[in-house]
Amino acid sequence: MSAPLDIIARPSPAREGEDTDQYDLMVAVYQFNQVRNTEKRKKLVEGFVTLLQQDKGKSYIGLPFSCEYGFNIRLGYDVCLGPDFQLNDVCPINIGNRTMLGGSVRIYTPSHPISPEERNGLKEPEWAKPITIGEDCWIGGGVIIRQGVKIGNGVTIGAGSVVTKDIEDRVVAVGNPTRPIKKILEDGTTVLILKA
């Protein structure tokens, strides 16, 4: 029988004036995922996620939820994060008001070298770029959003898509890699711009 692996919790980039690390966040996220009382869950999540303008509308975070640092996450009001949601928030992740994200969505701000020699196990360099998702968006289940991406306002991303580049306002985008296929007009109708 093999010995258990050592778990490495990297120190997080602490918020100004605070001494925090990933272990504290892991405990808070674990507690959040165990509690069923809505008010208790809200108090727990406020300890590691910035909730903006919640007086204008409540946000919903499904279970289970996971993140890497927590304090890099900013959610607008009336935001819905579906179940099995994962954010690797090495850099800021901003999600606009009234945006809904389906189950099993993954948002990744970090990346690593392609070369195995440069990666060098746990000593590898890591870099990250922020991600912004605009207001009034619908991100379908199983979508992956990669580092540095900006998704405009009023965008719909089809389930299972992989977003690797910026997406302009008011489009329907699908695929791997994601590409816009329809423009959403002000009256709510759509115009085909590319066959899927």
N, C-alpha and C. Protein backbone atom coordinates (compact mmCIF):
# COMPACT_ATOMS: atom_id res chain seq x y z
N MET A 1 0.85 -1.18 0.00
CA MET A 1 0.00 0.00 0.00
C MET A 1 0.89 1.24 0.00
N SER A 2 0.59 2.21 -0.85
CA SER A 2 1.44 3.39 -0.94
C SER A 2 1.11 4.40 0.15
N ALA A 3 2.11 5.22 0.47
CA ALA A 3 1.93 6.26 1.49
C ALA A 3 1.07 7.38 0.91
N PRO A 4 0.29 8.10 1.74
CA PRO A 4 -0.52 9.20 1.24
C PRO A 4 0.36 10.33 0.71
N LEU A 5 -0.15 11.03 -0.27
CA LEU A 5 0.59 12.16 -0.84
C LEU A 5 0.54 13.36 0.08
N ASP A 6 1.62 14.13 0.10
CA ASP A 6 1.61 15.41 0.79
C ASP A 6 0.80 16.39 -0.05
N ILE A 7 -0.05 17.13 0.59
CA ILE A 7 -0.83 18.15 -0.10
C ILE A 7 -0.15 19.48 0.11
N ILE A 8 0.13 20.17 -0.99
CA ILE A 8 0.80 21.46 -0.91
C ILE A 8 -0.24 22.55 -1.09
N ALA A 9 -0.38 23.40 -0.11
CA ALA A 9 -1.25 24.57 -0.22
C ALA A 9 -0.35 25.77 -0.37
N ARG A 10 -0.32 26.31 -1.58
CA ARG A 10 0.54 27.46 -1.83
C ARG A 10 0.05 28.67 -1.05
N PRO A 11 0.96 29.50 -0.55
CA PRO A 11 0.49 30.72 0.10
C PRO A 11 -0.18 31.61 -0.93
N SER A 12 -1.29 32.19 -0.54
CA SER A 12 -1.99 33.06 -1.48
C SER A 12 -1.41 34.46 -1.42
N PRO A 13 -1.57 35.21 -2.52
CA PRO A 13 -1.18 36.61 -2.46
C PRO A 13 -2.14 37.31 -1.51
N ALA A 14 -1.71 37.61 -0.32
CA ALA A 14 -2.59 38.14 0.73
C ALA A 14 -3.17 39.49 0.35
N ARG A 15 -4.40 39.70 0.79
CA ARG A 15 -4.99 41.01 0.62
C ARG A 15 -4.24 41.99 1.51
N GLU A 16 -4.24 43.22 1.12
CA GLU A 16 -3.49 44.24 1.86
C GLU A 16 -3.88 44.22 3.34
N GLY A 17 -2.87 44.10 4.20
CA GLY A 17 -3.08 44.13 5.63
C GLY A 17 -3.57 42.83 6.23
N GLU A 18 -3.66 41.76 5.44
CA GLU A 18 -4.14 40.49 5.96
C GLU A 18 -3.10 39.40 5.76
N ASP A 19 -3.14 38.41 6.61
CA ASP A 19 -2.27 37.25 6.49
C ASP A 19 -3.16 36.04 6.26
N THR A 20 -3.39 35.71 5.00
CA THR A 20 -4.25 34.58 4.66
C THR A 20 -3.46 33.56 3.86
N ASP A 21 -3.94 32.35 3.84
CA ASP A 21 -3.34 31.36 2.96
C ASP A 21 -4.42 30.46 2.39
N GLN A 22 -4.01 29.61 1.48
CA GLN A 22 -4.97 28.76 0.79
C GLN A 22 -5.67 27.79 1.72
N TYR A 23 -5.00 27.36 2.76
CA TYR A 23 -5.62 26.41 3.68
C TYR A 23 -6.87 27.01 4.32
N ASP A 24 -6.76 28.28 4.78
CA ASP A 24 -7.92 28.95 5.37
C ASP A 24 -9.09 29.00 4.38
N LEU A 25 -8.77 29.30 3.13
CA LEU A 25 -9.82 29.34 2.11
C LEU A 25 -10.41 27.96 1.89
N MET A 26 -9.57 26.93 1.84
CA MET A 26 -10.06 25.57 1.64
C MET A 26 -11.06 25.19 2.74
N VAL A 27 -10.75 25.57 3.97
CA VAL A 27 -11.65 25.28 5.09
C VAL A 27 -12.97 26.04 4.91
N ALA A 28 -12.89 27.32 4.55
CA ALA A 28 -14.10 28.13 4.37
C ALA A 28 -14.98 27.59 3.24
N VAL A 29 -14.36 27.20 2.12
CA VAL A 29 -15.12 26.66 1.00
C VAL A 29 -15.74 25.32 1.38
N TYR A 30 -15.01 24.49 2.12
CA TYR A 30 -15.55 23.21 2.59
C TYR A 30 -16.79 23.45 3.45
N GLN A 31 -16.68 24.39 4.40
CA GLN A 31 -17.82 24.70 5.27
C GLN A 31 -19.01 25.21 4.45
N PHE A 32 -18.73 26.09 3.49
CA PHE A 32 -19.78 26.63 2.62
C PHE A 32 -20.52 25.49 1.92
N ASN A 33 -19.78 24.51 1.41
CA ASN A 33 -20.38 23.39 0.68
C ASN A 33 -21.16 22.43 1.57
N GLN A 34 -20.94 22.48 2.90
CA GLN A 34 -21.64 21.59 3.83
C GLN A 34 -22.92 22.19 4.38
N VAL A 35 -22.99 23.51 4.47
CA VAL A 35 -24.12 24.19 5.10
C VAL A 35 -25.29 24.29 4.12
N ARG A 36 -26.49 24.02 4.59
CA ARG A 36 -27.68 24.10 3.74
C ARG A 36 -28.51 25.36 4.02
N ASN A 37 -28.31 25.99 5.17
CA ASN A 37 -29.05 27.20 5.53
C ASN A 37 -28.54 28.37 4.68
N THR A 38 -29.45 29.02 3.96
CA THR A 38 -29.09 30.09 3.03
C THR A 38 -28.37 31.25 3.71
N GLU A 39 -28.87 31.69 4.86
CA GLU A 39 -28.24 32.83 5.54
C GLU A 39 -26.83 32.49 6.02
N LYS A 40 -26.64 31.28 6.54
CA LYS A 40 -25.30 30.86 6.98
C LYS A 40 -24.35 30.77 5.79
N ARG A 41 -24.85 30.24 4.66
CA ARG A 41 -24.01 30.16 3.47
C ARG A 41 -23.61 31.55 2.99
N LYS A 42 -24.55 32.50 3.05
CA LYS A 42 -24.26 33.87 2.61
C LYS A 42 -23.15 34.48 3.46
N LYS A 43 -23.23 34.29 4.77
CA LYS A 43 -22.19 34.82 5.66
C LYS A 43 -20.83 34.18 5.36
N LEU A 44 -20.82 32.88 5.11
CA LEU A 44 -19.56 32.20 4.79
C LEU A 44 -18.97 32.70 3.47
N VAL A 45 -19.79 32.82 2.43
CA VAL A 45 -19.27 33.23 1.13
C VAL A 45 -18.77 34.67 1.16
N GLU A 46 -19.38 35.52 1.98
CA GLU A 46 -18.92 36.91 2.08
C GLU A 46 -17.52 36.99 2.66
N GLY A 47 -17.05 35.92 3.29
CA GLY A 47 -15.69 35.89 3.81
C GLY A 47 -14.63 35.70 2.75
N PHE A 48 -15.04 35.23 1.56
CA PHE A 48 -14.00 35.00 0.54
C PHE A 48 -14.37 35.47 -0.87
N VAL A 49 -15.58 35.94 -1.10
CA VAL A 49 -15.99 36.46 -2.40
C VAL A 49 -16.56 37.85 -2.21
N THR A 50 -16.24 38.79 -3.11
CA THR A 50 -16.81 40.13 -3.04
C THR A 50 -18.16 40.13 -3.75
N LEU A 51 -19.22 40.38 -2.98
CA LEU A 51 -20.57 40.46 -3.53
C LEU A 51 -20.93 41.93 -3.68
N LEU A 52 -21.18 42.38 -4.91
CA LEU A 52 -21.43 43.78 -5.19
C LEU A 52 -22.93 44.07 -5.28
N GLN A 53 -23.38 45.17 -4.71
CA GLN A 53 -24.74 45.70 -4.84
C GLN A 53 -25.82 44.66 -4.55
N GLN A 54 -25.63 43.85 -3.52
CA GLN A 54 -26.60 42.80 -3.23
C GLN A 54 -27.94 43.36 -2.74
N ASP A 55 -27.98 44.66 -2.41
CA ASP A 55 -29.25 45.28 -2.04
C ASP A 55 -30.18 45.39 -3.25
N LYS A 56 -29.63 45.35 -4.46
CA LYS A 56 -30.44 45.44 -5.68
C LYS A 56 -30.99 44.09 -6.12
N GLY A 57 -30.44 43.02 -5.62
CA GLY A 57 -30.88 41.68 -6.00
C GLY A 57 -29.91 40.66 -5.45
N LYS A 58 -30.42 39.51 -5.08
CA LYS A 58 -29.59 38.48 -4.46
C LYS A 58 -28.90 37.64 -5.52
N SER A 59 -27.76 37.08 -5.17
CA SER A 59 -27.06 36.15 -6.04
C SER A 59 -27.20 34.74 -5.49
N TYR A 60 -27.00 33.77 -6.36
CA TYR A 60 -27.12 32.36 -5.98
C TYR A 60 -25.83 31.65 -6.36
N ILE A 61 -25.29 30.86 -5.44
CA ILE A 61 -24.11 30.04 -5.71
C ILE A 61 -24.48 28.59 -5.41
N GLY A 62 -24.48 27.76 -6.45
CA GLY A 62 -24.84 26.36 -6.29
C GLY A 62 -23.73 25.56 -5.62
N LEU A 63 -24.10 24.34 -5.22
CA LEU A 63 -23.16 23.44 -4.55
C LEU A 63 -22.84 22.27 -5.46
N PRO A 64 -21.65 21.72 -5.44
CA PRO A 64 -20.49 22.27 -4.73
C PRO A 64 -19.88 23.43 -5.51
N PHE A 65 -19.15 24.26 -4.81
CA PHE A 65 -18.48 25.44 -5.34
C PHE A 65 -17.01 25.33 -4.97
N SER A 66 -16.11 25.71 -5.87
CA SER A 66 -14.70 25.75 -5.48
C SER A 66 -14.00 26.93 -6.14
N CYS A 67 -12.99 27.45 -5.44
CA CYS A 67 -12.17 28.53 -5.96
C CYS A 67 -10.77 28.39 -5.38
N GLU A 68 -9.82 29.11 -5.97
CA GLU A 68 -8.44 28.98 -5.53
C GLU A 68 -8.08 29.98 -4.43
N TYR A 69 -8.48 31.24 -4.58
CA TYR A 69 -8.16 32.27 -3.59
C TYR A 69 -9.39 32.97 -3.03
N GLY A 70 -10.42 33.14 -3.82
CA GLY A 70 -11.65 33.73 -3.34
C GLY A 70 -11.71 35.24 -3.43
N PHE A 71 -10.71 35.91 -2.87
CA PHE A 71 -10.80 37.38 -2.83
C PHE A 71 -10.61 38.03 -4.19
N ASN A 72 -10.24 37.27 -5.21
CA ASN A 72 -10.14 37.81 -6.57
C ASN A 72 -11.46 37.73 -7.33
N ILE A 73 -12.51 37.23 -6.68
CA ILE A 73 -13.81 37.04 -7.34
C ILE A 73 -14.75 38.17 -6.96
N ARG A 74 -15.33 38.82 -7.97
CA ARG A 74 -16.31 39.88 -7.74
C ARG A 74 -17.58 39.54 -8.52
N LEU A 75 -18.67 39.38 -7.77
CA LEU A 75 -19.96 39.04 -8.38
C LEU A 75 -20.90 40.23 -8.30
N GLY A 76 -21.54 40.58 -9.40
CA GLY A 76 -22.58 41.60 -9.39
C GLY A 76 -23.83 41.07 -8.73
N TYR A 77 -24.94 41.82 -8.81
CA TYR A 77 -26.19 41.36 -8.20
C TYR A 77 -26.97 40.50 -9.20
N ASP A 78 -27.87 39.68 -8.65
CA ASP A 78 -28.68 38.74 -9.43
C ASP A 78 -27.82 37.81 -10.29
N VAL A 79 -26.67 37.41 -9.78
CA VAL A 79 -25.79 36.46 -10.48
C VAL A 79 -26.15 35.06 -10.01
N CYS A 80 -26.15 34.12 -10.94
CA CYS A 80 -26.40 32.72 -10.60
C CYS A 80 -25.22 31.88 -11.06
N LEU A 81 -24.56 31.20 -10.12
CA LEU A 81 -23.50 30.25 -10.43
C LEU A 81 -24.09 28.87 -10.21
N GLY A 82 -24.19 28.07 -11.26
CA GLY A 82 -24.80 26.75 -11.16
C GLY A 82 -23.98 25.78 -10.32
N PRO A 83 -24.50 24.57 -10.12
CA PRO A 83 -23.79 23.58 -9.30
C PRO A 83 -22.48 23.14 -9.94
N ASP A 84 -21.56 22.67 -9.10
CA ASP A 84 -20.26 22.15 -9.54
C ASP A 84 -19.47 23.22 -10.28
N PHE A 85 -19.43 24.42 -9.71
CA PHE A 85 -18.79 25.58 -10.33
C PHE A 85 -17.36 25.70 -9.83
N GLN A 86 -16.40 25.97 -10.72
CA GLN A 86 -14.99 26.07 -10.32
C GLN A 86 -14.36 27.32 -10.90
N LEU A 87 -13.70 28.09 -10.02
CA LEU A 87 -12.98 29.29 -10.44
C LEU A 87 -11.53 29.17 -9.97
N ASN A 88 -10.59 29.21 -10.89
CA ASN A 88 -9.17 29.30 -10.54
C ASN A 88 -8.80 30.77 -10.66
N ASP A 89 -8.92 31.47 -9.54
CA ASP A 89 -8.85 32.94 -9.52
C ASP A 89 -7.49 33.44 -9.06
N VAL A 90 -6.44 33.10 -9.80
CA VAL A 90 -5.11 33.64 -9.51
C VAL A 90 -5.10 35.13 -9.82
N CYS A 91 -5.88 35.56 -10.81
CA CYS A 91 -6.10 36.97 -11.15
C CYS A 91 -7.59 37.26 -10.94
N PRO A 92 -7.98 38.54 -10.98
CA PRO A 92 -9.39 38.88 -10.78
C PRO A 92 -10.33 38.24 -11.80
N ILE A 93 -11.49 37.82 -11.30
CA ILE A 93 -12.60 37.35 -12.13
C ILE A 93 -13.79 38.23 -11.77
N ASN A 94 -14.30 38.97 -12.75
CA ASN A 94 -15.44 39.86 -12.56
C ASN A 94 -16.62 39.34 -13.35
N ILE A 95 -17.75 39.15 -12.66
CA ILE A 95 -18.97 38.65 -13.30
C ILE A 95 -20.05 39.70 -13.11
N GLY A 96 -20.59 40.22 -14.22
CA GLY A 96 -21.52 41.33 -14.20
C GLY A 96 -22.91 41.00 -13.70
N ASN A 97 -23.68 42.04 -13.43
CA ASN A 97 -25.04 41.94 -12.91
C ASN A 97 -25.93 41.09 -13.82
N ARG A 98 -26.83 40.34 -13.19
CA ARG A 98 -27.86 39.56 -13.89
C ARG A 98 -27.30 38.51 -14.84
N THR A 99 -26.09 38.06 -14.58
CA THR A 99 -25.47 37.02 -15.41
C THR A 99 -25.69 35.66 -14.78
N MET A 100 -26.00 34.67 -15.62
CA MET A 100 -26.24 33.31 -15.15
C MET A 100 -25.23 32.37 -15.79
N LEU A 101 -24.66 31.50 -14.97
CA LEU A 101 -23.69 30.52 -15.45
C LEU A 101 -24.18 29.13 -15.05
N GLY A 102 -24.24 28.22 -16.00
CA GLY A 102 -24.77 26.89 -15.77
C GLY A 102 -23.86 26.01 -14.94
N GLY A 103 -24.31 24.78 -14.73
CA GLY A 103 -23.55 23.83 -13.94
C GLY A 103 -22.24 23.42 -14.61
N SER A 104 -21.27 23.08 -13.79
CA SER A 104 -19.97 22.57 -14.23
C SER A 104 -19.19 23.54 -15.11
N VAL A 105 -19.43 24.84 -14.96
CA VAL A 105 -18.63 25.85 -15.67
C VAL A 105 -17.27 25.94 -14.99
N ARG A 106 -16.23 26.13 -15.79
CA ARG A 106 -14.86 26.26 -15.30
C ARG A 106 -14.28 27.58 -15.81
N ILE A 107 -13.72 28.37 -14.89
CA ILE A 107 -13.09 29.64 -15.25
C ILE A 107 -11.65 29.59 -14.77
N TYR A 108 -10.71 29.65 -15.72
CA TYR A 108 -9.28 29.48 -15.41
C TYR A 108 -8.49 30.73 -15.75
N THR A 109 -7.98 31.45 -14.75
CA THR A 109 -7.10 32.60 -15.04
C THR A 109 -5.64 32.19 -15.22
N PRO A 110 -5.13 31.08 -14.63
CA PRO A 110 -3.71 30.77 -14.76
C PRO A 110 -3.39 29.90 -15.98
N SER A 111 -2.10 29.88 -16.31
CA SER A 111 -1.58 28.99 -17.34
C SER A 111 -0.16 28.58 -16.95
N HIS A 112 0.37 27.60 -17.66
CA HIS A 112 1.69 27.04 -17.37
C HIS A 112 2.45 26.82 -18.67
N PRO A 113 3.77 26.65 -18.60
CA PRO A 113 4.56 26.42 -19.81
C PRO A 113 4.14 25.14 -20.54
N ILE A 114 4.33 25.12 -21.84
CA ILE A 114 4.05 23.94 -22.65
C ILE A 114 5.17 22.91 -22.49
N SER A 115 6.40 23.37 -22.40
CA SER A 115 7.57 22.49 -22.31
C SER A 115 7.64 21.80 -20.95
N PRO A 116 7.78 20.45 -20.92
CA PRO A 116 7.88 19.76 -19.63
C PRO A 116 9.12 20.16 -18.84
N GLU A 117 10.21 20.49 -19.55
CA GLU A 117 11.43 20.92 -18.84
C GLU A 117 11.20 22.25 -18.14
N GLU A 118 10.51 23.15 -18.81
CA GLU A 118 10.24 24.46 -18.20
C GLU A 118 9.22 24.36 -17.07
N ARG A 119 8.25 23.45 -17.21
CA ARG A 119 7.25 23.27 -16.13
C ARG A 119 7.92 22.82 -14.85
N ASN A 120 8.79 21.82 -14.93
CA ASN A 120 9.61 21.40 -13.79
C ASN A 120 8.79 21.09 -12.54
N GLY A 121 7.74 20.30 -12.69
CA GLY A 121 6.95 19.88 -11.53
C GLY A 121 6.34 21.04 -10.78
N LEU A 122 6.43 20.98 -9.45
CA LEU A 122 5.85 22.03 -8.61
C LEU A 122 6.68 23.31 -8.56
N LYS A 123 7.84 23.30 -9.23
CA LYS A 123 8.69 24.50 -9.24
C LYS A 123 8.39 25.39 -10.46
N GLU A 124 7.42 24.97 -11.26
CA GLU A 124 7.17 25.63 -12.53
C GLU A 124 6.74 27.08 -12.38
N PRO A 125 7.00 27.87 -13.43
CA PRO A 125 6.42 29.22 -13.43
C PRO A 125 4.93 29.13 -13.74
N GLU A 126 4.19 30.05 -13.22
CA GLU A 126 2.76 30.15 -13.50
C GLU A 126 2.47 31.61 -13.78
N TRP A 127 1.62 31.87 -14.74
CA TRP A 127 1.19 33.23 -14.99
C TRP A 127 -0.33 33.23 -15.13
N ALA A 128 -0.90 34.40 -15.04
CA ALA A 128 -2.36 34.48 -15.10
C ALA A 128 -2.79 35.81 -15.70
N LYS A 129 -4.00 35.82 -16.23
CA LYS A 129 -4.61 37.04 -16.77
C LYS A 129 -6.05 37.11 -16.28
N PRO A 130 -6.56 38.31 -15.98
CA PRO A 130 -7.93 38.45 -15.47
C PRO A 130 -8.98 38.06 -16.51
N ILE A 131 -10.16 37.74 -16.02
CA ILE A 131 -11.30 37.39 -16.86
C ILE A 131 -12.48 38.28 -16.47
N THR A 132 -13.16 38.82 -17.48
CA THR A 132 -14.34 39.65 -17.24
C THR A 132 -15.51 39.09 -18.03
N ILE A 133 -16.63 38.90 -17.35
CA ILE A 133 -17.87 38.49 -17.99
C ILE A 133 -18.86 39.63 -17.76
N GLY A 134 -19.45 40.14 -18.83
CA GLY A 134 -20.32 41.31 -18.75
C GLY A 134 -21.65 41.05 -18.08
N GLU A 135 -22.53 42.03 -18.19
CA GLU A 135 -23.87 41.95 -17.61
C GLU A 135 -24.82 41.21 -18.54
N ASP A 136 -25.86 40.61 -17.95
CA ASP A 136 -26.96 39.99 -18.70
C ASP A 136 -26.50 38.88 -19.63
N CYS A 137 -25.51 38.11 -19.20
CA CYS A 137 -25.01 36.99 -20.01
C CYS A 137 -25.62 35.67 -19.54
N TRP A 138 -25.65 34.69 -20.44
CA TRP A 138 -26.01 33.32 -20.10
C TRP A 138 -24.87 32.44 -20.61
N ILE A 139 -24.19 31.78 -19.67
CA ILE A 139 -23.09 30.88 -19.99
C ILE A 139 -23.60 29.46 -19.74
N GLY A 140 -23.70 28.66 -20.79
CA GLY A 140 -24.28 27.32 -20.68
C GLY A 140 -23.43 26.36 -19.86
N GLY A 141 -24.02 25.24 -19.48
CA GLY A 141 -23.34 24.24 -18.67
C GLY A 141 -22.09 23.69 -19.34
N GLY A 142 -21.08 23.41 -18.53
CA GLY A 142 -19.86 22.79 -19.01
C GLY A 142 -18.93 23.68 -19.81
N VAL A 143 -19.20 24.98 -19.85
CA VAL A 143 -18.34 25.91 -20.59
C VAL A 143 -17.01 26.08 -19.85
N ILE A 144 -15.93 26.20 -20.61
CA ILE A 144 -14.60 26.51 -20.06
C ILE A 144 -14.21 27.89 -20.58
N ILE A 145 -13.80 28.78 -19.66
CA ILE A 145 -13.37 30.13 -20.02
C ILE A 145 -11.91 30.25 -19.64
N ARG A 146 -11.05 30.57 -20.62
CA ARG A 146 -9.61 30.62 -20.44
C ARG A 146 -9.12 32.02 -20.04
N GLN A 147 -7.86 32.07 -19.59
CA GLN A 147 -7.28 33.31 -19.07
C GLN A 147 -7.29 34.45 -20.08
N GLY A 148 -7.50 35.67 -19.54
CA GLY A 148 -7.43 36.88 -20.33
C GLY A 148 -8.66 37.21 -21.16
N VAL A 149 -9.70 36.40 -21.09
CA VAL A 149 -10.89 36.58 -21.93
C VAL A 149 -11.80 37.66 -21.35
N LYS A 150 -12.38 38.46 -22.26
CA LYS A 150 -13.43 39.42 -21.91
C LYS A 150 -14.67 39.05 -22.71
N ILE A 151 -15.75 38.78 -21.98
CA ILE A 151 -17.03 38.46 -22.61
C ILE A 151 -17.92 39.68 -22.44
N GLY A 152 -18.47 40.19 -23.54
CA GLY A 152 -19.26 41.41 -23.52
C GLY A 152 -20.61 41.25 -22.83
N ASN A 153 -21.41 42.30 -22.86
CA ASN A 153 -22.74 42.32 -22.26
C ASN A 153 -23.74 41.60 -23.16
N GLY A 154 -24.72 40.93 -22.54
CA GLY A 154 -25.81 40.33 -23.29
C GLY A 154 -25.41 39.14 -24.15
N VAL A 155 -24.35 38.44 -23.79
CA VAL A 155 -23.82 37.32 -24.58
C VAL A 155 -24.43 36.01 -24.11
N THR A 156 -24.67 35.09 -25.04
CA THR A 156 -25.05 33.71 -24.73
C THR A 156 -23.94 32.80 -25.27
N ILE A 157 -23.40 31.96 -24.38
CA ILE A 157 -22.37 30.98 -24.77
C ILE A 157 -22.99 29.60 -24.68
N GLY A 158 -22.96 28.83 -25.77
CA GLY A 158 -23.57 27.51 -25.80
C GLY A 158 -22.87 26.51 -24.90
N ALA A 159 -23.64 25.57 -24.37
CA ALA A 159 -23.12 24.54 -23.46
C ALA A 159 -21.93 23.81 -24.08
N GLY A 160 -20.93 23.53 -23.25
CA GLY A 160 -19.76 22.77 -23.66
C GLY A 160 -18.73 23.55 -24.46
N SER A 161 -18.93 24.84 -24.66
CA SER A 161 -17.99 25.64 -25.44
C SER A 161 -16.71 25.91 -24.67
N VAL A 162 -15.63 26.21 -25.40
CA VAL A 162 -14.35 26.58 -24.80
C VAL A 162 -14.01 27.98 -25.30
N VAL A 163 -14.05 28.96 -24.40
CA VAL A 163 -13.85 30.36 -24.77
C VAL A 163 -12.38 30.71 -24.59
N THR A 164 -11.70 30.97 -25.72
CA THR A 164 -10.26 31.27 -25.69
C THR A 164 -9.95 32.69 -26.12
N LYS A 165 -10.95 33.40 -26.68
CA LYS A 165 -10.75 34.77 -27.15
C LYS A 165 -11.93 35.63 -26.72
N ASP A 166 -11.74 36.95 -26.76
CA ASP A 166 -12.80 37.89 -26.39
C ASP A 166 -14.05 37.67 -27.24
N ILE A 167 -15.21 37.92 -26.63
CA ILE A 167 -16.50 37.81 -27.30
C ILE A 167 -17.18 39.17 -27.21
N GLU A 168 -17.59 39.72 -28.36
CA GLU A 168 -18.23 41.04 -28.40
C GLU A 168 -19.62 41.01 -27.77
N ASP A 169 -20.19 42.18 -27.51
CA ASP A 169 -21.54 42.32 -26.94
C ASP A 169 -22.59 41.66 -27.83
N ARG A 170 -23.65 41.14 -27.17
CA ARG A 170 -24.89 40.72 -27.81
C ARG A 170 -24.70 39.73 -28.96
N VAL A 171 -23.98 38.65 -28.70
CA VAL A 171 -23.87 37.57 -29.68
C VAL A 171 -24.15 36.23 -29.01
N VAL A 172 -24.49 35.25 -29.83
CA VAL A 172 -24.54 33.85 -29.41
C VAL A 172 -23.26 33.23 -29.95
N ALA A 173 -22.49 32.58 -29.07
CA ALA A 173 -21.22 31.99 -29.48
C ALA A 173 -21.18 30.54 -29.00
N VAL A 174 -20.61 29.66 -29.84
CA VAL A 174 -20.56 28.23 -29.52
C VAL A 174 -19.26 27.63 -30.03
N GLY A 175 -18.95 26.43 -29.53
CA GLY A 175 -17.88 25.63 -30.11
C GLY A 175 -16.58 25.61 -29.34
N ASN A 176 -15.64 24.85 -29.89
CA ASN A 176 -14.29 24.73 -29.34
C ASN A 176 -13.31 24.84 -30.50
N PRO A 177 -12.67 26.03 -30.65
CA PRO A 177 -12.84 27.23 -29.84
C PRO A 177 -14.16 27.94 -30.17
N THR A 178 -14.64 28.71 -29.20
CA THR A 178 -15.90 29.42 -29.35
C THR A 178 -15.81 30.48 -30.44
N ARG A 179 -16.88 30.57 -31.23
CA ARG A 179 -16.96 31.62 -32.24
C ARG A 179 -18.40 32.12 -32.31
N PRO A 180 -18.60 33.40 -32.59
CA PRO A 180 -19.96 33.94 -32.68
C PRO A 180 -20.69 33.37 -33.90
N ILE A 181 -21.95 32.97 -33.70
CA ILE A 181 -22.75 32.48 -34.83
C ILE A 181 -23.99 33.32 -35.07
N LYS A 182 -24.43 34.08 -34.06
CA LYS A 182 -25.61 34.94 -34.21
C LYS A 182 -25.38 36.26 -33.51
N LYS A 183 -25.96 37.31 -34.05
CA LYS A 183 -26.00 38.62 -33.42
C LYS A 183 -27.38 38.76 -32.78
N ILE A 184 -27.43 39.23 -31.52
CA ILE A 184 -28.70 39.43 -30.82
C ILE A 184 -29.09 40.90 -30.97
N LEU A 185 -30.20 41.15 -31.65
CA LEU A 185 -30.65 42.52 -31.89
C LEU A 185 -31.36 43.07 -30.66
N GLU A 186 -31.55 44.39 -30.63
CA GLU A 186 -32.18 45.06 -29.49
C GLU A 186 -33.60 44.58 -29.23
N ASP A 187 -34.30 44.11 -30.26
CA ASP A 187 -35.67 43.62 -30.06
C ASP A 187 -35.70 42.15 -29.61
N GLY A 188 -34.52 41.55 -29.40
CA GLY A 188 -34.43 40.18 -28.92
C GLY A 188 -34.33 39.13 -30.01
N THR A 189 -34.53 39.53 -31.27
CA THR A 189 -34.38 38.58 -32.36
C THR A 189 -32.90 38.38 -32.66
N THR A 190 -32.61 37.32 -33.41
CA THR A 190 -31.21 37.04 -33.75
C THR A 190 -31.02 37.01 -35.26
N VAL A 191 -29.81 37.32 -35.69
CA VAL A 191 -29.44 37.27 -37.09
C VAL A 191 -28.24 36.35 -37.21
N LEU A 192 -28.33 35.36 -38.10
CA LEU A 192 -27.24 34.41 -38.31
C LEU A 192 -26.05 35.13 -38.93
N ILE A 193 -24.87 34.98 -38.32
CA ILE A 193 -23.66 35.58 -38.89
C ILE A 193 -22.64 34.52 -39.32
N LEU A 194 -22.82 33.27 -38.84
CA LEU A 194 -21.91 32.18 -39.20
C LEU A 194 -22.61 30.87 -38.92
N LYS A 195 -22.57 29.94 -39.85
CA LYS A 195 -23.17 28.63 -39.61
C LYS A 195 -22.32 27.86 -38.63
N ALA A 196 -22.96 27.21 -37.65
CA ALA A 196 -22.25 26.46 -36.61
C ALA A 196 -21.59 25.22 -37.18
